[in-house]
N, C-alpha and C. Protein backbone atom coordinates (compact mmCIF):
# COMPACT_ATOMS: atom_id res chain seq x y z
N UNK A 1 -17.31 193.09 72.04
CA UNK A 1 -17.99 193.27 70.78
C UNK A 1 -16.95 193.15 69.66
N UNK A 2 -17.31 192.50 68.58
CA UNK A 2 -16.39 192.29 67.46
C UNK A 2 -16.49 193.43 66.46
N UNK A 3 -15.37 193.73 65.82
CA UNK A 3 -15.36 194.69 64.72
C UNK A 3 -15.55 193.94 63.43
N UNK A 4 -16.27 194.55 62.49
CA UNK A 4 -16.57 193.93 61.21
C UNK A 4 -16.19 194.90 60.10
N UNK A 5 -15.43 194.44 59.14
CA UNK A 5 -15.06 195.27 58.00
C UNK A 5 -15.86 194.82 56.79
N UNK A 6 -16.60 195.76 56.19
CA UNK A 6 -17.39 195.45 55.00
C UNK A 6 -17.12 196.51 53.94
N UNK A 7 -17.39 196.18 52.70
CA UNK A 7 -17.26 197.13 51.60
C UNK A 7 -18.65 197.61 51.20
N UNK A 8 -18.85 198.92 51.28
CA UNK A 8 -20.15 199.51 50.94
C UNK A 8 -19.88 200.78 50.14
N UNK A 9 -20.74 201.05 49.19
CA UNK A 9 -20.63 202.26 48.38
C UNK A 9 -20.55 203.49 49.30
N UNK A 10 -19.61 204.37 49.03
CA UNK A 10 -19.37 205.54 49.87
C UNK A 10 -20.60 206.44 49.99
N UNK A 11 -21.30 206.65 48.87
CA UNK A 11 -22.49 207.49 48.88
C UNK A 11 -23.59 206.87 49.76
N UNK A 12 -23.72 205.55 49.70
CA UNK A 12 -24.71 204.85 50.52
C UNK A 12 -24.40 205.02 52.00
N UNK A 13 -23.13 204.93 52.35
CA UNK A 13 -22.73 205.10 53.76
C UNK A 13 -23.07 206.51 54.23
N UNK A 14 -22.78 207.52 53.42
CA UNK A 14 -23.09 208.90 53.80
C UNK A 14 -24.58 209.08 54.03
N UNK A 15 -25.39 208.56 53.10
CA UNK A 15 -26.85 208.67 53.24
C UNK A 15 -27.34 207.94 54.48
N UNK A 16 -26.78 206.78 54.75
CA UNK A 16 -27.19 205.99 55.92
C UNK A 16 -26.80 206.69 57.21
N UNK A 17 -25.62 207.30 57.25
CA UNK A 17 -25.20 208.05 58.45
C UNK A 17 -26.15 209.22 58.72
N UNK A 18 -26.51 209.94 57.68
CA UNK A 18 -27.43 211.07 57.83
C UNK A 18 -28.78 210.59 58.36
N UNK A 19 -29.29 209.52 57.78
CA UNK A 19 -30.59 208.99 58.23
C UNK A 19 -30.52 208.51 59.68
N UNK A 20 -29.43 207.85 60.05
CA UNK A 20 -29.27 207.37 61.42
C UNK A 20 -29.25 208.55 62.40
N UNK A 21 -28.53 209.63 62.03
CA UNK A 21 -28.48 210.82 62.88
C UNK A 21 -29.87 211.42 63.03
N UNK A 22 -30.62 211.48 61.94
CA UNK A 22 -31.98 212.01 61.98
C UNK A 22 -32.88 211.18 62.90
N UNK A 23 -32.58 209.89 63.00
CA UNK A 23 -33.36 208.99 63.86
C UNK A 23 -32.81 208.95 65.28
N UNK A 24 -31.74 209.71 65.54
CA UNK A 24 -31.17 209.77 66.88
C UNK A 24 -30.36 208.54 67.26
N UNK A 25 -29.75 207.91 66.29
CA UNK A 25 -28.96 206.72 66.55
C UNK A 25 -27.68 206.78 65.73
N UNK A 26 -26.94 205.69 65.69
CA UNK A 26 -25.71 205.64 64.91
C UNK A 26 -25.85 204.59 63.81
N UNK A 27 -25.00 204.70 62.82
CA UNK A 27 -25.00 203.72 61.75
C UNK A 27 -24.64 202.33 62.30
N UNK A 28 -23.70 202.29 63.22
CA UNK A 28 -23.31 201.01 63.84
C UNK A 28 -24.50 200.36 64.54
N UNK A 29 -25.26 201.16 65.26
CA UNK A 29 -26.44 200.61 65.95
C UNK A 29 -27.46 200.08 64.96
N UNK A 30 -27.66 200.79 63.85
CA UNK A 30 -28.61 200.33 62.83
C UNK A 30 -28.14 199.02 62.19
N UNK A 31 -26.84 198.90 61.92
CA UNK A 31 -26.31 197.66 61.33
C UNK A 31 -26.50 196.51 62.31
N UNK A 32 -26.21 196.74 63.61
CA UNK A 32 -26.42 195.69 64.62
C UNK A 32 -27.89 195.27 64.66
N UNK A 33 -28.79 196.26 64.61
CA UNK A 33 -30.23 195.98 64.63
C UNK A 33 -30.65 195.15 63.41
N UNK A 34 -30.15 195.52 62.24
CA UNK A 34 -30.51 194.79 61.02
C UNK A 34 -29.94 193.37 61.02
N UNK A 35 -28.70 193.21 61.50
CA UNK A 35 -28.12 191.86 61.56
C UNK A 35 -28.87 190.99 62.56
N UNK A 36 -29.25 191.58 63.68
CA UNK A 36 -30.02 190.84 64.68
C UNK A 36 -31.36 190.39 64.12
N UNK A 37 -32.02 191.28 63.41
CA UNK A 37 -33.30 190.95 62.78
C UNK A 37 -33.12 189.85 61.74
N UNK A 38 -32.06 189.95 60.96
CA UNK A 38 -31.75 188.95 59.93
C UNK A 38 -31.55 187.57 60.54
N UNK A 39 -30.83 187.51 61.64
CA UNK A 39 -30.57 186.23 62.31
C UNK A 39 -31.85 185.66 62.90
N UNK A 40 -32.66 186.50 63.51
CA UNK A 40 -33.91 186.03 64.12
C UNK A 40 -34.85 185.44 63.07
N UNK A 41 -34.84 185.96 61.85
CA UNK A 41 -35.70 185.43 60.80
C UNK A 41 -35.37 183.98 60.51
N UNK A 42 -34.09 183.64 60.48
CA UNK A 42 -33.67 182.27 60.18
C UNK A 42 -33.93 181.32 61.34
N UNK A 43 -33.71 181.78 62.55
CA UNK A 43 -33.83 180.88 63.70
C UNK A 43 -35.27 180.55 64.03
N UNK A 44 -36.21 181.39 63.66
CA UNK A 44 -37.61 181.12 64.00
C UNK A 44 -38.13 179.90 63.26
N UNK A 45 -37.67 179.68 62.03
CA UNK A 45 -38.20 178.59 61.24
C UNK A 45 -37.34 177.32 61.30
N UNK A 46 -36.09 177.46 61.70
CA UNK A 46 -35.18 176.32 61.70
C UNK A 46 -34.71 176.03 63.13
N UNK A 47 -35.15 174.91 63.72
CA UNK A 47 -34.67 174.59 65.06
C UNK A 47 -33.18 174.22 65.03
N UNK A 48 -32.49 174.58 66.09
CA UNK A 48 -31.08 174.26 66.20
C UNK A 48 -30.94 172.82 66.66
N UNK A 49 -30.19 172.04 65.93
CA UNK A 49 -29.94 170.64 66.29
C UNK A 49 -28.50 170.53 66.75
N UNK A 50 -28.32 170.14 67.99
CA UNK A 50 -26.99 169.98 68.54
C UNK A 50 -26.63 168.50 68.46
N UNK A 51 -25.62 168.16 67.64
CA UNK A 51 -25.25 166.75 67.51
C UNK A 51 -24.59 166.24 68.78
N UNK A 52 -24.71 164.94 69.00
CA UNK A 52 -24.05 164.33 70.15
C UNK A 52 -22.90 163.47 69.67
N UNK A 53 -21.90 163.36 70.51
CA UNK A 53 -20.75 162.52 70.19
C UNK A 53 -20.93 161.15 70.83
N UNK A 54 -20.42 160.12 70.20
CA UNK A 54 -20.54 158.78 70.77
C UNK A 54 -19.69 158.65 72.03
N UNK A 55 -20.31 158.17 73.10
CA UNK A 55 -19.64 158.05 74.39
C UNK A 55 -19.62 156.59 74.81
N UNK A 56 -18.51 156.17 75.37
CA UNK A 56 -18.36 154.80 75.84
C UNK A 56 -19.03 154.66 77.19
N UNK A 57 -19.95 153.70 77.32
CA UNK A 57 -20.59 153.48 78.61
C UNK A 57 -19.64 152.80 79.59
N UNK A 58 -18.66 152.11 79.08
CA UNK A 58 -17.70 151.41 79.96
C UNK A 58 -16.69 152.39 80.57
N UNK A 59 -16.18 153.31 79.76
CA UNK A 59 -15.13 154.20 80.23
C UNK A 59 -15.62 155.60 80.56
N UNK A 60 -16.77 155.99 80.02
CA UNK A 60 -17.29 157.33 80.27
C UNK A 60 -16.70 158.40 79.38
N UNK A 61 -15.85 158.02 78.45
CA UNK A 61 -15.25 158.98 77.53
C UNK A 61 -15.72 158.70 76.11
N UNK A 62 -15.08 159.35 75.16
CA UNK A 62 -15.44 159.11 73.76
C UNK A 62 -15.05 157.71 73.34
N UNK A 63 -15.76 157.21 72.37
CA UNK A 63 -15.45 155.90 71.81
C UNK A 63 -14.03 155.89 71.24
N UNK A 64 -13.36 154.76 71.26
CA UNK A 64 -12.04 154.68 70.63
C UNK A 64 -12.14 155.06 69.15
N UNK A 65 -11.12 155.74 68.66
CA UNK A 65 -11.08 156.13 67.26
C UNK A 65 -11.57 157.55 67.01
N UNK A 66 -12.13 158.22 68.03
CA UNK A 66 -12.55 159.60 67.87
C UNK A 66 -11.42 160.49 68.35
N UNK A 67 -10.82 161.22 67.43
CA UNK A 67 -9.67 162.07 67.72
C UNK A 67 -10.15 163.49 67.99
N UNK A 68 -10.02 163.95 69.25
CA UNK A 68 -10.48 165.29 69.62
C UNK A 68 -9.71 166.40 68.93
N UNK A 69 -8.54 166.12 68.42
CA UNK A 69 -7.75 167.16 67.75
C UNK A 69 -8.06 167.25 66.26
N UNK A 70 -8.99 166.43 65.78
CA UNK A 70 -9.32 166.40 64.36
C UNK A 70 -10.80 166.73 64.14
N UNK A 71 -11.06 167.86 63.47
CA UNK A 71 -12.44 168.21 63.15
C UNK A 71 -13.10 167.12 62.32
N UNK A 72 -12.37 166.56 61.37
CA UNK A 72 -12.93 165.52 60.49
C UNK A 72 -13.37 164.32 61.32
N UNK A 73 -12.55 163.92 62.28
CA UNK A 73 -12.89 162.78 63.13
C UNK A 73 -14.16 163.07 63.94
N UNK A 74 -14.27 164.28 64.48
CA UNK A 74 -15.46 164.64 65.25
C UNK A 74 -16.70 164.69 64.37
N UNK A 75 -16.59 165.30 63.19
CA UNK A 75 -17.73 165.35 62.28
C UNK A 75 -18.16 163.94 61.87
N UNK A 76 -17.19 163.08 61.55
CA UNK A 76 -17.51 161.71 61.16
C UNK A 76 -18.23 160.99 62.29
N UNK A 77 -17.78 161.20 63.53
CA UNK A 77 -18.41 160.54 64.68
C UNK A 77 -19.84 161.03 64.88
N UNK A 78 -20.06 162.34 64.69
CA UNK A 78 -21.41 162.89 64.87
C UNK A 78 -22.35 162.47 63.74
N UNK A 79 -21.79 162.31 62.52
CA UNK A 79 -22.61 162.00 61.35
C UNK A 79 -22.75 160.51 61.09
N UNK A 80 -22.13 159.67 61.91
CA UNK A 80 -22.08 158.24 61.61
C UNK A 80 -23.46 157.60 61.57
N UNK A 81 -24.39 158.12 62.36
CA UNK A 81 -25.73 157.54 62.37
C UNK A 81 -25.79 156.20 63.09
N UNK A 82 -24.68 155.71 63.59
CA UNK A 82 -24.63 154.44 64.30
C UNK A 82 -24.63 154.75 65.80
N UNK A 83 -25.46 154.07 66.54
CA UNK A 83 -25.48 154.24 67.99
C UNK A 83 -24.30 153.48 68.57
N UNK A 84 -23.21 154.20 68.77
CA UNK A 84 -21.99 153.56 69.24
C UNK A 84 -22.08 153.15 70.71
N UNK A 85 -23.08 153.65 71.43
CA UNK A 85 -23.25 153.23 72.81
C UNK A 85 -23.64 151.76 72.88
N UNK A 86 -24.38 151.29 71.89
CA UNK A 86 -24.81 149.90 71.87
C UNK A 86 -23.69 148.95 71.45
N UNK A 87 -22.64 149.50 70.84
CA UNK A 87 -21.53 148.67 70.40
C UNK A 87 -20.55 148.35 71.53
N UNK A 88 -20.59 149.11 72.61
CA UNK A 88 -19.61 148.92 73.68
C UNK A 88 -20.03 147.87 74.68
């Protein structure tokens, strides 16, 4: 589990801790619950699109010119919109 550092008004934190204790939980658990709910709201309406990288049918690897050590090169390859499989 990751630790997260945020800045929140001290009085708000005290009130939230008291409310969480009254509900039989912790402030950390409530924050996790709220973040999870927040993420689910976005994912329900927006499908996740996983881009594909151009692959050489001749060699079985990436097309020439795609540098795996460069994010820019990978993004350009995914965003090219050209079916590089047909070019090989």
